[in-house]
Protein backbone atom coordinates (compact mmCIF):
# COMPACT_ATOMS: atom_id res chain seq x y z
CA MET A 1 -40.37 4.55 -46.88
CA GLU A 2 -39.14 3.15 -50.65
CA ARG A 3 -41.57 3.94 -53.38
CA ARG A 4 -41.32 2.81 -56.80
CA HIS A 5 -42.74 4.67 -60.02
CA GLN A 6 -44.15 3.76 -62.82
CA VAL A 7 -42.71 5.29 -66.05
CA PHE A 8 -44.92 4.99 -69.73
CA ILE A 9 -42.64 4.96 -72.52
CA SER A 10 -44.07 6.47 -75.64
CA SER A 11 -42.35 5.84 -79.04
CA THR A 12 -42.27 4.29 -82.45
CA PHE A 13 -41.21 0.54 -81.81
CA SER A 14 -39.70 -1.38 -84.54
CA ASP A 15 -37.21 1.48 -85.30
CA LEU A 16 -36.36 2.04 -81.65
CA THR A 17 -35.96 -1.48 -80.20
CA GLU A 18 -32.26 -0.84 -78.79
CA GLU A 19 -33.01 2.67 -77.63
CA ARG A 20 -36.30 1.20 -75.69
CA SER A 21 -34.00 -1.46 -74.18
CA GLU A 22 -31.50 1.03 -72.85
CA ILE A 23 -34.45 3.00 -71.27
CA ILE A 24 -35.98 0.08 -69.80
CA GLN A 25 -32.48 -0.97 -68.06
CA ALA A 26 -31.99 2.57 -66.84
CA LEU A 27 -35.56 3.01 -65.31
CA LEU A 28 -35.27 -0.70 -63.83
CA GLU A 29 -31.82 0.36 -62.29
CA LEU A 30 -33.48 3.35 -60.62
CA ASP A 31 -36.10 1.10 -59.30
CA CYS A 32 -38.82 2.08 -61.70
CA PHE A 33 -41.89 0.07 -63.60
CA PRO A 34 -41.45 0.56 -67.36
CA ALA A 35 -44.56 0.45 -68.93
CA GLY A 36 -45.53 0.77 -72.82
CA MET A 37 -45.85 -0.87 -76.10
CA GLU A 38 -44.13 -3.99 -74.86
CA MET A 39 -47.41 -4.92 -73.06
CA PHE A 40 -49.93 -4.36 -76.03
CA PRO A 41 -49.82 -2.94 -79.82
CA ALA A 42 -51.24 0.48 -80.60
CA THR A 43 -53.16 -0.58 -83.65
CA ASN A 44 -56.88 0.07 -82.75
CA GLU A 45 -59.41 2.04 -80.47
CA ALA A 46 -59.73 -1.01 -78.01
CA ALA A 47 -55.78 -0.99 -77.57
CA TRP A 48 -56.32 3.05 -77.20
CA GLU A 49 -58.80 2.77 -74.19
CA LEU A 50 -56.13 0.19 -72.64
CA ILE A 51 -53.25 2.89 -73.56
CA LYS A 52 -54.90 5.48 -71.73
CA HIS A 53 -55.74 3.54 -68.58
CA VAL A 54 -51.88 2.77 -68.59
CA ILE A 55 -51.07 6.43 -68.93
CA ASP A 56 -53.11 7.05 -66.10
CA ASP A 57 -51.91 4.69 -63.60
CA SER A 58 -48.32 5.74 -64.36
CA ASP A 59 -46.44 8.52 -62.71
CA TYR A 60 -44.26 9.83 -65.04
CA TYR A 61 -44.46 10.21 -69.14
CA CYS A 62 -41.19 9.72 -71.25
CA LEU A 63 -41.45 10.52 -74.86
CA VAL A 64 -38.42 9.61 -77.42
CA VAL A 65 -38.72 10.84 -81.10
CA ALA A 66 -36.45 9.63 -83.82
CA GLY A 67 -37.02 9.35 -87.58
CA ARG A 68 -40.70 7.81 -88.18
CA TYR A 69 -44.37 9.41 -86.95
CA GLY A 70 -45.54 6.22 -86.39
CA SER A 71 -48.60 4.33 -87.20
CA MET A 72 -51.91 6.41 -87.68
CA ASP A 73 -55.49 6.35 -86.37
CA SER A 74 -58.31 6.87 -88.74
CA SER A 75 -57.84 10.78 -88.46
CA GLY A 76 -54.16 10.63 -89.59
CA LEU A 77 -52.74 11.01 -86.00
CA SER A 78 -50.06 8.67 -84.59
CA TYR A 79 -50.44 6.81 -81.73
CA THR A 80 -47.57 8.15 -80.30
CA GLU A 81 -48.73 11.86 -81.05
CA LYS A 82 -52.20 10.61 -79.23
CA GLU A 83 -50.35 9.24 -76.37
CA TYR A 84 -48.15 12.69 -75.75
CA ASP A 85 -51.44 14.83 -76.33
CA TYR A 86 -53.36 12.68 -73.74
CA ALA A 87 -50.46 13.03 -71.19
CA VAL A 88 -50.44 16.65 -71.61
CA ALA A 89 -54.09 17.08 -71.10
CA SER A 90 -53.91 14.69 -68.10
CA GLY A 91 -51.14 16.91 -66.44
CA LYS A 92 -48.83 14.17 -66.46
CA PRO A 93 -45.41 14.80 -65.59
CA ILE A 94 -43.31 14.39 -68.71
CA ILE A 95 -39.83 13.98 -69.97
CA SER A 96 -38.91 14.53 -73.61
CA PHE A 97 -35.99 13.09 -75.81
CA LEU A 98 -35.78 14.10 -79.54
CA HIS A 99 -32.80 12.80 -81.95
CA SER A 100 -30.14 15.43 -82.23
CA ASP A 101 -29.74 15.00 -86.00
CA PRO A 102 -32.33 13.19 -87.83
CA SER A 103 -30.71 13.45 -91.02
CA LYS A 104 -28.09 11.02 -89.72
CA ILE A 105 -30.72 8.35 -89.36
CA SER A 106 -30.53 5.20 -91.58
CA ALA A 107 -32.96 5.30 -94.14
CA GLY A 108 -34.51 2.33 -92.97
CA LYS A 109 -35.69 3.90 -89.87
CA CYS A 110 -37.18 7.20 -91.35
CA ASP A 111 -40.45 7.60 -92.99
CA THR A 112 -40.32 7.79 -96.89
CA ASP A 113 -43.81 9.00 -97.14
CA GLN A 114 -43.75 12.68 -97.52
CA THR A 115 -46.85 13.29 -95.44
CA ALA A 116 -45.50 11.17 -92.55
CA ARG A 117 -42.42 13.08 -92.41
CA GLU A 118 -44.31 16.48 -92.44
CA ARG A 119 -46.43 15.27 -89.59
CA LEU A 120 -43.18 14.21 -87.67
CA SER A 121 -41.76 17.89 -88.29
CA LYS A 122 -44.74 19.42 -87.00
CA PHE A 123 -44.82 17.05 -83.99
CA ARG A 124 -41.20 17.94 -83.20
CA SER A 125 -41.97 21.66 -83.35
CA LYS A 126 -44.83 20.92 -80.81
CA ILE A 127 -42.83 19.08 -78.28
CA GLU A 128 -40.07 21.87 -78.52
CA GLY A 129 -42.46 24.34 -77.97
CA ASN A 130 -44.45 22.40 -75.03
CA HIS A 131 -41.26 21.40 -73.05
CA HIS A 132 -37.83 21.51 -72.30
CA CYS A 133 -36.36 18.99 -74.34
CA LYS A 134 -33.18 16.68 -74.26
CA TYR A 135 -31.43 15.45 -77.49
CA TRP A 136 -29.77 12.15 -78.04
CA ALA A 137 -27.69 10.38 -80.82
CA THR A 138 -26.96 6.67 -79.65
CA PRO A 139 -29.23 4.49 -77.76
CA GLU A 140 -26.53 4.51 -75.02
CA ASP A 141 -26.49 8.36 -74.91
CA LEU A 142 -30.35 8.16 -74.52
CA GLY A 143 -30.25 5.86 -71.94
CA SER A 144 -27.77 7.89 -69.56
CA LYS A 145 -29.88 10.96 -70.56
CA VAL A 146 -32.94 9.16 -69.46
CA SER A 147 -31.59 8.24 -66.12
CA ARG A 148 -30.39 11.40 -65.06
CA ALA A 149 -33.74 13.23 -66.29
CA MET A 150 -35.71 10.74 -64.32
CA VAL A 151 -33.60 11.55 -60.89
CA SER A 152 -34.40 15.13 -61.38
CA LEU A 153 -38.09 14.51 -62.22
CA ARG A 154 -38.70 12.61 -59.48
CA LYS A 155 -36.92 15.03 -57.07
CA ASN A 156 -39.06 17.87 -58.44
CA HIS A 157 -42.53 16.27 -59.18
CA PRO A 158 -42.70 13.78 -56.50
CA SER A 159 -45.38 11.17 -56.73
CA ASP A 160 -47.17 8.68 -54.75
CA GLY A 161 -45.95 5.55 -56.67
CA TRP A 162 -46.02 2.24 -55.43
CA VAL A 163 -45.38 1.00 -52.15
CA PRO A 164 -45.18 -2.58 -50.44
CA GLY A 165 -48.46 -3.74 -49.51
CA ALA A 166 -47.39 -4.39 -45.80
CA PHE A 167 -46.73 -0.43 -45.87
CA ALA A 168 -49.47 0.77 -47.62
CA ALA A 169 -51.92 1.12 -44.77
CA ASP A 170 -51.60 3.56 -42.11
CA GLU A 171 -52.68 2.53 -38.29
CA GLY A 172 -56.09 3.91 -39.11
CA THR A 173 -56.52 2.03 -41.73
CA ARG A 174 -55.43 -1.40 -39.95
CA LEU A 175 -57.80 -0.54 -37.01
CA GLU A 176 -60.73 -0.13 -39.62
CA LEU A 177 -59.76 -3.45 -41.34
CA ALA A 178 -59.66 -4.93 -37.82
CA ALA A 179 -63.21 -3.82 -36.98
CA TYR A 180 -64.42 -5.04 -40.42
CA LYS A 181 -63.26 -8.56 -39.96
CA ALA A 182 -64.70 -8.41 -36.21
CA ARG A 183 -68.05 -7.79 -37.97
CA ILE A 184 -67.72 -10.09 -40.43
CA LEU A 185 -67.39 -12.93 -37.89
CA GLU A 186 -69.94 -11.68 -35.85
CA LEU A 187 -72.34 -11.77 -38.86
CA GLU A 188 -70.87 -15.44 -39.90
CA ALA A 189 -71.78 -16.30 -36.54
CA GLU A 190 -75.41 -14.90 -36.76
CA LEU A 191 -75.80 -16.67 -40.15
CA ALA A 192 -74.71 -20.03 -38.33
CA LYS A 193 -77.36 -19.67 -35.69
CA ILE A 194 -79.86 -19.06 -38.62
CA ALA A 195 -78.72 -22.22 -40.62
CA SER A 196 -78.59 -23.98 -37.58
CA ALA A 197 -82.34 -23.14 -36.77
CA GLU A 198 -83.64 -23.46 -40.25
CA THR A 199 -81.98 -26.91 -40.39
CA THR A 200 -83.68 -27.97 -36.92
CA GLN A 201 -86.87 -26.69 -38.32
CA SER A 202 -86.46 -28.46 -41.69
CA LEU A 203 -85.74 -31.66 -40.02
CA GLU A 204 -89.42 -31.93 -38.39
CA GLY A 205 -91.42 -34.61 -40.10
CA ILE A 206 -88.20 -36.46 -41.76
CA ALA A 207 -87.15 -39.95 -40.44
CA GLY A 208 -83.94 -40.19 -38.72
CA GLY A 209 -82.25 -41.31 -35.12
CA ASP A 210 -84.00 -44.09 -33.72
CA ASP A 211 -86.59 -44.64 -36.63
CA GLU A 212 -86.30 -47.70 -38.47
CA PHE A 213 -85.93 -48.10 -42.36
CA ALA A 214 -87.05 -51.11 -43.84
CA ALA A 215 -85.44 -52.46 -47.35
CA SER A 216 -85.33 -55.49 -49.32
CA VAL A 217 -82.24 -57.28 -49.58
CA ALA A 218 -80.98 -60.31 -51.64
CA TYR A 219 -79.26 -63.22 -50.66
CA ARG A 220 -77.55 -65.77 -53.00
CA HIS A 221 -77.04 -69.31 -51.61
CA SER A 222 -76.55 -72.47 -53.56
CA GLY A 223 -77.42 -70.88 -56.72
CA ASP A 224 -80.50 -69.43 -55.50
CA THR A 225 -81.50 -65.90 -54.96
CA SER A 226 -83.89 -65.11 -52.07
CA TRP A 227 -85.29 -61.45 -51.05
CA HIS A 228 -85.34 -60.55 -47.41
CA GLU A 229 -86.69 -57.31 -45.63
CA VAL A 230 -84.48 -56.15 -42.84
CA THR A 231 -84.89 -53.19 -40.68
CA VAL A 232 -82.10 -50.95 -39.42
CA THR A 233 -82.55 -47.53 -37.53
CA TRP A 234 -80.90 -44.26 -39.12
CA ASP A 235 -78.45 -43.96 -36.39
CA GLU A 236 -77.17 -47.77 -37.09
CA VAL A 237 -76.53 -46.51 -40.48
CA LEU A 238 -74.89 -43.52 -39.39
CA ALA A 239 -72.97 -45.64 -36.89
CA TYR A 240 -71.67 -47.59 -39.93
CA VAL A 241 -70.73 -44.79 -42.52
CA GLY A 242 -69.85 -41.81 -40.01
CA PRO A 243 -66.26 -42.96 -39.03
CA THR A 244 -65.42 -43.66 -42.87
CA LEU A 245 -67.10 -40.15 -43.72
CA LEU A 246 -65.03 -38.15 -40.78
CA ALA A 247 -61.89 -37.89 -43.23
CA GLU A 248 -64.18 -37.73 -46.14
CA CYS A 249 -64.58 -40.95 -48.28
CA SER A 250 -65.19 -41.76 -52.01
CA ASN A 251 -68.67 -42.95 -53.23
CA GLU A 252 -67.55 -46.45 -53.74
CA GLU A 253 -66.28 -46.44 -49.72
CA LEU A 254 -69.72 -44.79 -48.79
CA ILE A 255 -71.46 -47.54 -50.79
CA GLU A 256 -69.28 -50.41 -49.20
CA LYS A 257 -70.07 -49.40 -45.67
CA ILE A 258 -73.82 -49.22 -46.51
CA HIS A 259 -73.43 -53.08 -47.68
CA LEU A 260 -71.74 -53.90 -44.69
CA CYS A 261 -74.62 -52.57 -42.44
CA PHE A 262 -77.30 -54.64 -44.27
CA TYR A 263 -75.02 -57.76 -44.36
CA HIS A 264 -74.83 -57.92 -40.73
CA ALA A 265 -78.51 -56.99 -40.47
CA LEU A 266 -79.06 -59.97 -42.75
CA GLU A 267 -77.08 -62.19 -40.47
CA ILE A 268 -79.26 -61.21 -37.55
CA ALA A 269 -82.66 -61.75 -39.79
CA LEU A 270 -81.32 -65.07 -40.75
CA PRO A 271 -79.59 -66.88 -37.87
CA GLY A 272 -77.47 -69.59 -38.32
CA SER A 273 -77.01 -68.86 -42.03
CA GLU A 274 -72.92 -69.17 -43.26
CA MET A 275 -73.52 -66.25 -45.68
CA SER A 276 -70.42 -64.15 -46.77
CA PHE A 277 -70.23 -60.81 -47.75
CA SER A 278 -70.28 -61.08 -51.48
CA ASP A 279 -73.61 -63.23 -51.08
CA VAL A 280 -75.73 -60.21 -49.94
CA ILE A 281 -77.32 -57.87 -52.54
CA VAL A 282 -78.18 -54.23 -51.64
CA THR A 283 -80.19 -52.65 -54.52
CA HIS A 284 -79.25 -48.98 -55.65
CA LEU A 285 -82.48 -48.05 -55.20
CA THR A 286 -81.90 -48.49 -50.98
CA ILE A 287 -78.31 -47.26 -51.46
CA ASP A 288 -79.56 -44.02 -53.23
CA GLN A 289 -82.48 -43.46 -50.61
CA ILE A 290 -80.06 -43.77 -47.90
CA LYS A 291 -77.84 -41.01 -49.18
CA VAL A 292 -80.96 -38.69 -49.87
CA GLN A 293 -81.55 -39.44 -45.99
CA LEU A 294 -78.52 -38.71 -45.05
CA ARG A 295 -78.18 -35.46 -46.90
CA ALA A 296 -81.92 -34.51 -45.74
CA LEU A 297 -81.00 -34.99 -42.13
CA GLY A 298 -77.86 -32.65 -42.47
CA GLN A 299 -75.41 -35.38 -41.58
CA MET A 300 -73.66 -35.74 -45.00
CA ILE A 301 -72.09 -33.12 -47.44
CA PRO A 302 -70.02 -33.51 -50.52
CA GLY A 303 -66.53 -33.54 -49.73
CA THR A 304 -64.31 -30.39 -50.20
CA LYS A 305 -60.69 -31.45 -50.16
CA ARG A 306 -59.05 -30.54 -53.06
CA ARG A 307 -57.75 -33.32 -55.72
CA ALA A 308 -56.03 -34.00 -58.72
CA VAL A 309 -58.04 -32.92 -62.27
CA ALA A 310 -58.13 -36.49 -63.36
CA ASP A 311 -59.75 -37.57 -60.19
CA ARG A 312 -63.56 -37.65 -61.66
CA LYS A 313 -64.66 -39.92 -58.35
CA THR A 314 -67.79 -38.14 -56.00
CA TYR A 315 -66.58 -37.93 -52.58
CA TRP A 316 -68.65 -37.20 -49.24
CA LYS A 317 -67.82 -36.06 -45.68
CA LEU A 318 -69.66 -35.39 -42.08
CA SER A 319 -70.97 -32.27 -41.71
CA THR A 320 -71.15 -30.75 -38.35
CA ILE A 321 -74.50 -31.90 -37.60
CA GLY A 322 -73.45 -35.44 -38.71
CA GLU A 323 -70.34 -35.38 -36.70
CA ALA A 324 -72.06 -34.33 -33.63
CA ARG A 325 -74.59 -37.14 -33.96
CA LEU A 326 -72.28 -39.85 -34.41
CA LEU A 327 -70.41 -38.77 -31.37
CA SER A 328 -73.77 -39.07 -29.56
CA VAL A 329 -74.65 -42.30 -30.97
CA GLN A 330 -70.98 -43.98 -30.92
CA ALA A 331 -68.84 -42.50 -28.16
CA LEU A 332 -68.53 -44.91 -25.11
CA LYS A 333 -70.59 -43.63 -21.75
CA LYS A 334 -69.41 -44.14 -18.50
CA THR A 335 -70.42 -47.47 -16.79
CA ASN A 336 -70.76 -45.93 -13.40
CA PRO A 337 -71.43 -42.03 -13.77
CA GLN A 338 -70.79 -41.87 -9.74
CA LEU A 339 -67.59 -43.38 -9.86
CA SER A 340 -64.90 -40.93 -8.99
CA LEU A 341 -61.19 -40.87 -8.55
CA PRO A 342 -59.65 -41.02 -5.24
CA VAL A 343 -58.30 -37.89 -3.70
CA LYS A 344 -54.83 -37.86 -2.50
């Protein structure tokens, strides 16, 4: 199985941008993941904690030293040397590259401070004493040497690396995951039963079905407004709003269906009146009571479809309980249950 390895690149930054670019290109050509200061500035303790985590997650450590010691922490130790010491202490496989002739590095890319120069010299000596180092002169030279060294390092120090997710789990792991998924489905089914039992128990004492609901509705006619009490059952309310709620509807659409329910109820209460839909007024109090009751009965829940961020409307839909009740109320029944098709 093909594996990809993560390589931490440790060096000073601004003076080695070309060199780091060559190293990154070499690593990418070897199907490695480069990691280093391109991702974070090593300038404070918080960044140092992040750096340690990235080194821990890396398979290999690549150190490059040229003419600068680098930015230092409060103790006077450069972050490059801190990274190196941490990699050594962690037992990370290391490849080191030192500039072959620091005296030929341009002045703008070298330390001018005497203390920094002395620390850099000691750092170089420490590296040479701990590891077999390779020496480079140009960015291109460095890139080719990193490429060859990485091939050897991966061969002599194989690492787990990163593998595609589809191949990360063995057969045992896949069977274990399947067992977990089956158990999750069992628990979800048990929770659904508990929820259903709790819902049934909680509905005791709540008006619904054939229970009647009386509301005062206004009727405007010839400039006058009169109030009338009309009565509907909760199943009748559901019959009006349910079909619209099946596919989710806005709050405004729900209110319109409630309005239609009471408009027809008032037509029955006032036979012979030639009223129009706009002549009937249903109070906000009545509409709110119906919404609360449908929620209490577990028949209506908030909509769940994803919509545009700019859409601030409220949406509703039928719950599983509401859908079952609607089908029971609205579905056509057989006119002759004993009738059967002829046998040919």
